[in-house]
C-alpha atoms as a PDB file:
ATOM      1  CA  MET A   1       0.000   0.000   0.000  1.00  0.00           C
ATOM      2  CA  ALA A   2       1.264   3.472  -0.897  1.00  0.00           C
ATOM      3  CA  PHE A   3       2.209   5.774   1.928  1.00  0.00           C
ATOM      4  CA  THR A   4      -0.431   8.282   0.799  1.00  0.00           C
ATOM      5  CA  GLU A   5      -3.148   5.715   1.564  1.00  0.00           C
ATOM      6  CA  LEU A   6      -2.109   5.375   5.203  1.00  0.00           C
ATOM      7  CA  GLY A   7      -3.501   8.820   6.006  1.00  0.00           C
ATOM      8  CA  PRO A   8      -7.149   8.004   5.220  1.00  0.00           C
ATOM      9  CA  LEU A   9      -6.772   4.607   6.892  1.00  0.00           C
ATOM     10  CA  TRP A  10      -5.469   5.926  10.208  1.00  0.00           C
ATOM     11  CA  LEU A  11      -7.867   8.876  10.146  1.00  0.00           C
ATOM     12  CA  THR A  12     -10.767   6.453   9.709  1.00  0.00           C
ATOM     13  CA  ILE A  13      -9.563   4.272  12.580  1.00  0.00           C
ATOM     14  CA  LYS A  14      -9.161   7.363  14.769  1.00  0.00           C
ATOM     15  CA  LEU A  15     -12.701   8.466  13.936  1.00  0.00           C
ATOM     16  CA  ALA A  16     -14.117   5.001  14.635  1.00  0.00           C
ATOM     17  CA  VAL A  17     -12.362   4.736  18.017  1.00  0.00           C
ATOM     18  CA  ILE A  18     -13.492   8.173  19.199  1.00  0.00           C
ATOM     19  CA  THR A  19     -17.027   7.645  17.902  1.00  0.00           C
ATOM     20  CA  THR A  20     -17.365   4.246  19.561  1.00  0.00           C
ATOM     21  CA  CYS A  21     -16.130   5.545  22.919  1.00  0.00           C
ATOM     22  CA  LEU A  22     -18.545   8.476  22.808  1.00  0.00           C
ATOM     23  CA  LEU A  23     -21.404   6.218  21.793  1.00  0.00           C
ATOM     24  CA  LEU A  24     -20.752   3.906  24.747  1.00  0.00           C
ATOM     25  CA  LEU A  25     -20.766   6.856  27.142  1.00  0.00           C
ATOM     26  CA  ILE A  26     -23.889   8.427  25.670  1.00  0.00           C
ATOM     27  CA  GLY A  27     -25.688   5.250  24.684  1.00  0.00           C
ATOM     28  CA  THR A  28     -25.381   3.349  27.968  1.00  0.00           C
ATOM     29  CA  PRO A  29     -27.732   5.545  30.057  1.00  0.00           C
ATOM     30  CA  ILE A  30     -30.169   5.866  27.145  1.00  0.00           C
ATOM     31  CA  ALA A  31     -30.197   2.108  26.577  1.00  0.00           C
ATOM     32  CA  TRP A  32     -30.686   1.495  30.296  1.00  0.00           C
ATOM     33  CA  TRP A  33     -33.592   3.939  30.397  1.00  0.00           C
ATOM     34  CA  LEU A  34     -35.203   2.294  27.365  1.00  0.00           C
ATOM     35  CA  ALA A  35     -34.762  -1.134  28.919  1.00  0.00           C
ATOM     36  CA  THR A  36     -36.315  -0.197  32.263  1.00  0.00           C
ATOM     37  CA  THR A  37     -38.806   2.594  31.643  1.00  0.00           C
ATOM     38  CA  ARG A  38     -42.554   2.157  31.425  1.00  0.00           C
ATOM     39  CA  MET A  39     -43.244   5.659  30.180  1.00  0.00           C
ATOM     40  CA  LYS A  40     -45.570   6.078  27.219  1.00  0.00           C
ATOM     41  CA  VAL A  41     -42.959   8.024  25.253  1.00  0.00           C
ATOM     42  CA  LYS A  42     -40.706   4.952  25.019  1.00  0.00           C
ATOM     43  CA  PRO A  43     -41.872   3.958  21.484  1.00  0.00           C
ATOM     44  CA  LEU A  44     -41.215   7.510  20.297  1.00  0.00           C
ATOM     45  CA  VAL A  45     -37.672   7.495  21.699  1.00  0.00           C
ATOM     46  CA  GLU A  46     -37.021   4.030  20.238  1.00  0.00           C
ATOM     47  CA  ALA A  47     -38.182   5.240  16.829  1.00  0.00           C
ATOM     48  CA  LEU A  48     -35.868   8.256  17.017  1.00  0.00           C
ATOM     49  CA  VAL A  49     -32.940   6.054  18.035  1.00  0.00           C
ATOM     50  CA  ALA A  50     -33.573   3.631  15.165  1.00  0.00           C
ATOM     51  CA  LEU A  51     -34.173   6.333  12.552  1.00  0.00           C
ATOM     52  CA  PRO A  52     -30.598   6.350  11.123  1.00  0.00           C
ATOM     53  CA  ILE A  53     -31.016   2.676  10.180  1.00  0.00           C
ATOM     54  CA  VAL A  54     -33.764   3.396   7.639  1.00  0.00           C
ATOM     55  CA  LEU A  55     -32.969   7.012   6.760  1.00  0.00           C
ATOM     56  CA  PRO A  56     -30.908   7.422   3.544  1.00  0.00           C
ATOM     57  CA  PRO A  57     -27.403   8.700   4.392  1.00  0.00           C
ATOM     58  CA  THR A  58     -27.794  11.589   1.948  1.00  0.00           C
ATOM     59  CA  VAL A  59     -30.965  12.760   3.699  1.00  0.00           C
ATOM     60  CA  MET A  60     -29.371  12.588   7.119  1.00  0.00           C
ATOM     61  CA  GLY A  61     -26.202  14.204   5.796  1.00  0.00           C
ATOM     62  CA  PHE A  62     -28.207  17.041   4.271  1.00  0.00           C
ATOM     63  CA  TYR A  63     -30.017  17.894   7.499  1.00  0.00           C
ATOM     64  CA  LEU A  64     -26.846  17.526   9.541  1.00  0.00           C
ATOM     65  CA  LEU A  65     -25.134  19.893   7.117  1.00  0.00           C
ATOM     66  CA  ILE A  66     -27.867  22.461   7.777  1.00  0.00           C
ATOM     67  CA  LEU A  67     -27.689  21.906  11.546  1.00  0.00           C
ATOM     68  CA  LEU A  68     -23.882  22.000  11.787  1.00  0.00           C
ATOM     69  CA  SER A  69     -23.205  24.773   9.297  1.00  0.00           C
ATOM     70  CA  PRO A  70     -22.182  28.206  10.641  1.00  0.00           C
ATOM     71  CA  GLN A  71     -25.732  29.381   9.920  1.00  0.00           C
ATOM     72  CA  GLY A  72     -27.318  26.396  11.686  1.00  0.00           C
ATOM     73  CA  THR A  73     -28.440  26.213  15.304  1.00  0.00           C
ATOM     74  CA  LEU A  74     -25.641  24.015  16.610  1.00  0.00           C
ATOM     75  CA  GLY A  75     -23.087  25.243  14.095  1.00  0.00           C
ATOM     76  CA  SER A  76     -23.523  28.920  14.938  1.00  0.00           C
ATOM     77  CA  PHE A  77     -23.231  28.167  18.655  1.00  0.00           C
ATOM     78  CA  TRP A  78     -20.000  26.244  18.028  1.00  0.00           C
ATOM     79  CA  VAL A  79     -18.588  29.115  15.983  1.00  0.00           C
ATOM     80  CA  ASP A  80     -19.414  31.586  18.774  1.00  0.00           C
ATOM     81  CA  VAL A  81     -17.678  29.396  21.368  1.00  0.00           C
ATOM     82  CA  THR A  82     -14.634  28.169  19.435  1.00  0.00           C
ATOM     83  CA  GLY A  83     -14.322  30.473  16.444  1.00  0.00           C
ATOM     84  CA  HIS A  84     -14.295  27.479  14.079  1.00  0.00           C
ATOM     85  CA  ALA A  85     -17.008  25.826  11.997  1.00  0.00           C
ATOM     86  CA  LEU A  86     -18.182  22.279  12.663  1.00  0.00           C
ATOM     87  CA  THR A  87     -18.489  21.452   8.989  1.00  0.00           C
ATOM     88  CA  PHE A  88     -15.547  20.291   6.879  1.00  0.00           C
ATOM     89  CA  ASN A  89     -13.337  19.356   9.820  1.00  0.00           C
ATOM     90  CA  PHE A  90     -12.706  16.298  11.985  1.00  0.00           C
ATOM     91  CA  ILE A  91     -14.896  17.391  14.906  1.00  0.00           C
ATOM     92  CA  GLY A  92     -17.860  17.682  12.576  1.00  0.00           C
ATOM     93  CA  LEU A  93     -17.167  14.139  11.375  1.00  0.00           C
ATOM     94  CA  VAL A  94     -17.250  12.915  14.970  1.00  0.00           C
ATOM     95  CA  VAL A  95     -20.620  14.564  15.623  1.00  0.00           C
ATOM     96  CA  ALA A  96     -22.094  13.172  12.405  1.00  0.00           C
ATOM     97  CA  SER A  97     -20.670   9.697  13.039  1.00  0.00           C
ATOM     98  CA  VAL A  98     -22.074   9.568  16.565  1.00  0.00           C
ATOM     99  CA  LEU A  99     -25.553  10.387  15.299  1.00  0.00           C
ATOM    100  CA  TYR A 100     -25.352   8.067  12.300  1.00  0.00           C
ATOM    101  CA  SER A 101     -24.059   5.063  14.269  1.00  0.00           C
ATOM    102  CA  PHE A 102     -26.245   5.687  17.326  1.00  0.00           C
ATOM    103  CA  PRO A 103     -28.701   2.773  16.905  1.00  0.00           C
ATOM    104  CA  PHE A 104     -25.922   0.270  16.284  1.00  0.00           C
ATOM    105  CA  VAL A 105     -24.727   0.815  19.857  1.00  0.00           C
ATOM    106  CA  VAL A 106     -27.931   1.649  21.728  1.00  0.00           C
ATOM    107  CA  GLN A 107     -30.053  -1.232  20.449  1.00  0.00           C
ATOM    108  CA  PRO A 108     -27.641  -4.065  21.416  1.00  0.00           C
ATOM    109  CA  LEU A 109     -27.183  -2.480  24.842  1.00  0.00           C
ATOM    110  CA  GLN A 110     -30.925  -2.127  25.324  1.00  0.00           C
ATOM    111  CA  SER A 111     -31.479  -5.791  24.449  1.00  0.00           C
ATOM    112  CA  ALA A 112     -28.699  -6.824  26.824  1.00  0.00           C
ATOM    113  CA  PHE A 113     -30.099  -4.753  29.685  1.00  0.00           C
ATOM    114  CA  GLU A 114     -33.594  -6.124  29.088  1.00  0.00           C
ATOM    115  CA  SER A 115     -32.234  -9.653  29.473  1.00  0.00           C
ATOM    116  CA  VAL A 116     -30.851  -8.828  32.918  1.00  0.00           C
ATOM    117  CA  GLY A 117     -34.344  -8.683  34.380  1.00  0.00           C
ATOM    118  CA  ARG A 118     -35.712  -6.829  37.363  1.00  0.00           C
ATOM    119  CA  ASP A 119     -35.276  -9.669  39.868  1.00  0.00           C
ATOM    120  CA  LEU A 120     -31.494  -9.436  40.007  1.00  0.00           C
ATOM    121  CA  MET A 121     -31.556  -5.671  40.361  1.00  0.00           C
ATOM    122  CA  GLU A 122     -34.152  -5.870  43.129  1.00  0.00           C
ATOM    123  CA  ALA A 123     -32.060  -8.509  44.882  1.00  0.00           C
ATOM    124  CA  ALA A 124     -29.067  -6.193  44.783  1.00  0.00           C
ATOM    125  CA  HIS A 125     -31.164  -3.389  46.223  1.00  0.00           C
ATOM    126  CA  THR A 126     -32.357  -5.589  49.079  1.00  0.00           C
ATOM    127  CA  LEU A 127     -28.718  -6.331  49.913  1.00  0.00           C
ATOM    128  CA  GLY A 128     -28.103  -2.633  50.352  1.00  0.00           C
ATOM    129  CA  ALA A 129     -26.686  -1.725  46.959  1.00  0.00           C
ATOM    130  CA  LYS A 130     -27.471   1.743  45.692  1.00  0.00           C
ATOM    131  CA  PRO A 131     -28.920   2.040  42.167  1.00  0.00           C
ATOM    132  CA  VAL A 132     -25.576   3.106  40.678  1.00  0.00           C
ATOM    133  CA  ASP A 133     -23.716   0.314  42.497  1.00  0.00           C
ATOM    134  CA  ALA A 134     -26.278  -2.262  41.391  1.00  0.00           C
ATOM    135  CA  PHE A 135     -26.001  -1.039  37.813  1.00  0.00           C
ATOM    136  CA  PHE A 136     -22.217  -1.376  37.629  1.00  0.00           C
ATOM    137  CA  SER A 137     -21.943  -4.541  39.725  1.00  0.00           C
ATOM    138  CA  VAL A 138     -24.907  -6.456  38.266  1.00  0.00           C
ATOM    139  CA  ALA A 139     -26.304  -4.986  35.047  1.00  0.00           C
ATOM    140  CA  VAL A 140     -23.052  -4.093  33.272  1.00  0.00           C
ATOM    141  CA  PRO A 141     -21.271  -7.442  33.870  1.00  0.00           C
ATOM    142  CA  MET A 142     -24.350  -9.368  32.756  1.00  0.00           C
ATOM    143  CA  ALA A 143     -24.629  -7.207  29.631  1.00  0.00           C
ATOM    144  CA  LYS A 144     -21.052  -7.861  28.489  1.00  0.00           C
ATOM    145  CA  ARG A 145     -22.176  -9.645  25.327  1.00  0.00           C
ATOM    146  CA  GLY A 146     -24.308  -6.644  24.474  1.00  0.00           C
ATOM    147  CA  TYR A 147     -21.314  -4.373  24.984  1.00  0.00           C
ATOM    148  CA  LEU A 148     -19.186  -6.550  22.731  1.00  0.00           C
ATOM    149  CA  THR A 149     -21.841  -6.447  20.019  1.00  0.00           C
ATOM    150  CA  ALA A 150     -22.269  -2.688  20.422  1.00  0.00           C
ATOM    151  CA  ILE A 151     -18.537  -2.050  20.148  1.00  0.00           C
ATOM    152  CA  VAL A 152     -18.111  -4.210  17.046  1.00  0.00           C
ATOM    153  CA  LEU A 153     -21.180  -2.840  15.269  1.00  0.00           C
ATOM    154  CA  GLY A 154     -20.515   0.788  16.200  1.00  0.00           C
ATOM    155  CA  PHE A 155     -16.851   0.614  15.201  1.00  0.00           C
ATOM    156  CA  SER A 156     -17.450  -1.292  11.973  1.00  0.00           C
ATOM    157  CA  HIS A 157     -20.345   0.906  10.929  1.00  0.00           C
ATOM    158  CA  THR A 158     -18.268   4.039  11.432  1.00  0.00           C
ATOM    159  CA  LEU A 159     -15.466   2.582   9.299  1.00  0.00           C
ATOM    160  CA  GLY A 160     -17.796   2.140   6.358  1.00  0.00           C
ATOM    161  CA  GLU A 161     -19.534   5.518   6.425  1.00  0.00           C
ATOM    162  CA  PHE A 162     -19.596   7.413   3.151  1.00  0.00           C
ATOM    163  CA  GLY A 163     -22.610   9.578   2.365  1.00  0.00           C
ATOM    164  CA  VAL A 164     -22.915  11.360   5.705  1.00  0.00           C
ATOM    165  CA  VAL A 165     -19.195  11.994   6.181  1.00  0.00           C
ATOM    166  CA  LEU A 166     -18.785  13.194   2.598  1.00  0.00           C
ATOM    167  CA  MET A 167     -21.525  15.798   3.003  1.00  0.00           C
ATOM    168  CA  ILE A 168     -20.323  16.968   6.427  1.00  0.00           C
ATOM    169  CA  GLY A 169     -16.551  16.712   6.002  1.00  0.00           C
ATOM    170  CA  GLY A 170     -15.943  16.866   2.290  1.00  0.00           C
ATOM    171  CA  ASN A 171     -12.685  15.438   0.993  1.00  0.00           C
ATOM    172  CA  ILE A 172      -9.848  17.326   2.669  1.00  0.00           C
ATOM    173  CA  PRO A 173      -6.581  15.303   2.787  1.00  0.00           C
ATOM    174  CA  GLY A 174      -5.323  14.801   6.323  1.00  0.00           C
ATOM    175  CA  GLU A 175      -8.481  16.291   7.821  1.00  0.00           C
ATOM    176  CA  THR A 176     -11.644  14.622   6.507  1.00  0.00           C
ATOM    177  CA  ARG A 177     -10.532  12.242   3.716  1.00  0.00           C
ATOM    178  CA  LEU A 178     -11.560   8.855   5.090  1.00  0.00           C
ATOM    179  CA  ILE A 179     -10.918   5.460   3.571  1.00  0.00           C
ATOM    180  CA  SER A 180     -14.415   5.174   2.084  1.00  0.00           C
ATOM    181  CA  ILE A 181     -13.937   8.511   0.326  1.00  0.00           C
ATOM    182  CA  ALA A 182     -10.483   7.429  -0.883  1.00  0.00           C
ATOM    183  CA  ILE A 183     -12.049   4.305  -2.410  1.00  0.00           C
ATOM    184  CA  TYR A 184     -14.618   6.449  -4.214  1.00  0.00           C
ATOM    185  CA  ASP A 185     -11.877   8.729  -5.554  1.00  0.00           C
ATOM    186  CA  HIS A 186      -9.923   5.760  -6.902  1.00  0.00           C
ATOM    187  CA  VAL A 187     -13.015   4.346  -8.621  1.00  0.00           C
ATOM    188  CA  GLU A 188     -13.775   7.712 -10.217  1.00  0.00           C
ATOM    189  CA  SER A 189     -10.179   7.855 -11.474  1.00  0.00           C
ATOM    190  CA  LEU A 190     -10.434   4.273 -12.784  1.00  0.00           C
ATOM    191  CA  GLU A 191      -7.697   3.240 -10.344  1.00  0.00           C
ATOM    192  CA  TYR A 192      -9.303  -0.089  -9.586  1.00  0.00           C
ATOM    193  CA  SER A 193      -6.186  -1.686  -8.136  1.00  0.00           C
ATOM    194  CA  GLN A 194      -5.920   0.900  -5.352  1.00  0.00           C
ATOM    195  CA  ALA A 195      -9.685   0.795  -4.779  1.00  0.00           C
ATOM    196  CA  HIS A 196      -9.549  -2.988  -4.549  1.00  0.00           C
ATOM    197  CA  THR A 197      -6.744  -2.871  -1.970  1.00  0.00           C
ATOM    198  CA  LEU A 198      -8.583  -0.438   0.316  1.00  0.00           C
ATOM    199  CA  SER A 199     -11.892  -2.247  -0.141  1.00  0.00           C
ATOM    200  CA  LEU A 200     -10.265  -5.551   0.729  1.00  0.00           C
ATOM    201  CA  ILE A 201      -8.916  -4.035   3.949  1.00  0.00           C
ATOM    202  CA  LEU A 202     -12.397  -2.926   4.999  1.00  0.00           C
ATOM    203  CA  LEU A 203     -13.951  -6.220   3.944  1.00  0.00           C
ATOM    204  CA  SER A 204     -11.365  -8.270   5.833  1.00  0.00           C
ATOM    205  CA  PHE A 205     -11.691  -6.188   8.972  1.00  0.00           C
ATOM    206  CA  ALA A 206     -15.491  -6.272   8.915  1.00  0.00           C
ATOM    207  CA  PHE A 207     -15.625 -10.031   8.413  1.00  0.00           C
ATOM    208  CA  THR A 208     -12.973 -10.719  11.071  1.00  0.00           C
ATOM    209  CA  SER A 209     -14.736  -8.472  13.589  1.00  0.00           C
ATOM    210  CA  MET A 210     -18.108 -10.114  13.045  1.00  0.00           C
ATOM    211  CA  LEU A 211     -16.600 -13.593  13.130  1.00  0.00           C
ATOM    212  CA  MET A 212     -14.790 -12.949  16.417  1.00  0.00           C
ATOM    213  CA  MET A 213     -17.930 -11.424  17.918  1.00  0.00           C
ATOM    214  CA  TYR A 214     -20.028 -14.484  17.087  1.00  0.00           C
ATOM    215  CA  ILE A 215     -17.320 -16.885  18.294  1.00  0.00           C
ATOM    216  CA  ILE A 216     -17.017 -15.087  21.642  1.00  0.00           C
ATOM    217  CA  ASN A 217     -20.780 -14.855  22.058  1.00  0.00           C
ATOM    218  CA  HIS A 218     -21.269 -18.554  21.306  1.00  0.00           C
ATOM    219  CA  ARG A 219     -18.517 -19.543  23.735  1.00  0.00           C
ATOM    220  CA  SER A 220     -19.975 -17.379  26.498  1.00  0.00           C
ATOM    221  CA  ARG A 221     -23.327 -19.116  26.101  1.00  0.00           C
ATOM    222  CA  SER A 222     -21.803 -22.585  26.469  1.00  0.00           C
END
């Protein structure tokens, strides 16, 4: 692989790592609330969480571009605070990636928390554990398979983003040019050999990640 291709590769990995970590921090309390709440607004929140799965990336990218632009609500606030725009830079890619990959982390965590059940949590409470202690000592360890699935899906999904990141970040070398965008550039230039090499890297990583996730999950059940 040419040295020039390492930039998009490492930038994509950096984006996926940061996005996955943020999604775990943000998604855990939301998934726990969805798994335990009996409020009537739960279906509405679940629909909002799942929306990026069915929404075309170009549609989501378009509205995020409006929201994050210097004239948008969030974008103008960011410019006032930092003096820099959210669009066409790495921070904007992180924000867009978090929103686009949100359901791929929240939904596995919600399913894992739902499988814990109320009995174990109530038992921990009767033994004197506070809600936060019971959550970290009972719910989180029992949801480890859900966390593994969330990490793999969130990370892998971020690696393969194209439409949303292209609209928000553009194609700036060293700043927003991710591996999916580099593949597209090579195809447009009829450089199929380079496109094949980068595509094979993503394909191999995605397959290996999913394979390891299923192997670990099957072993933990036995």
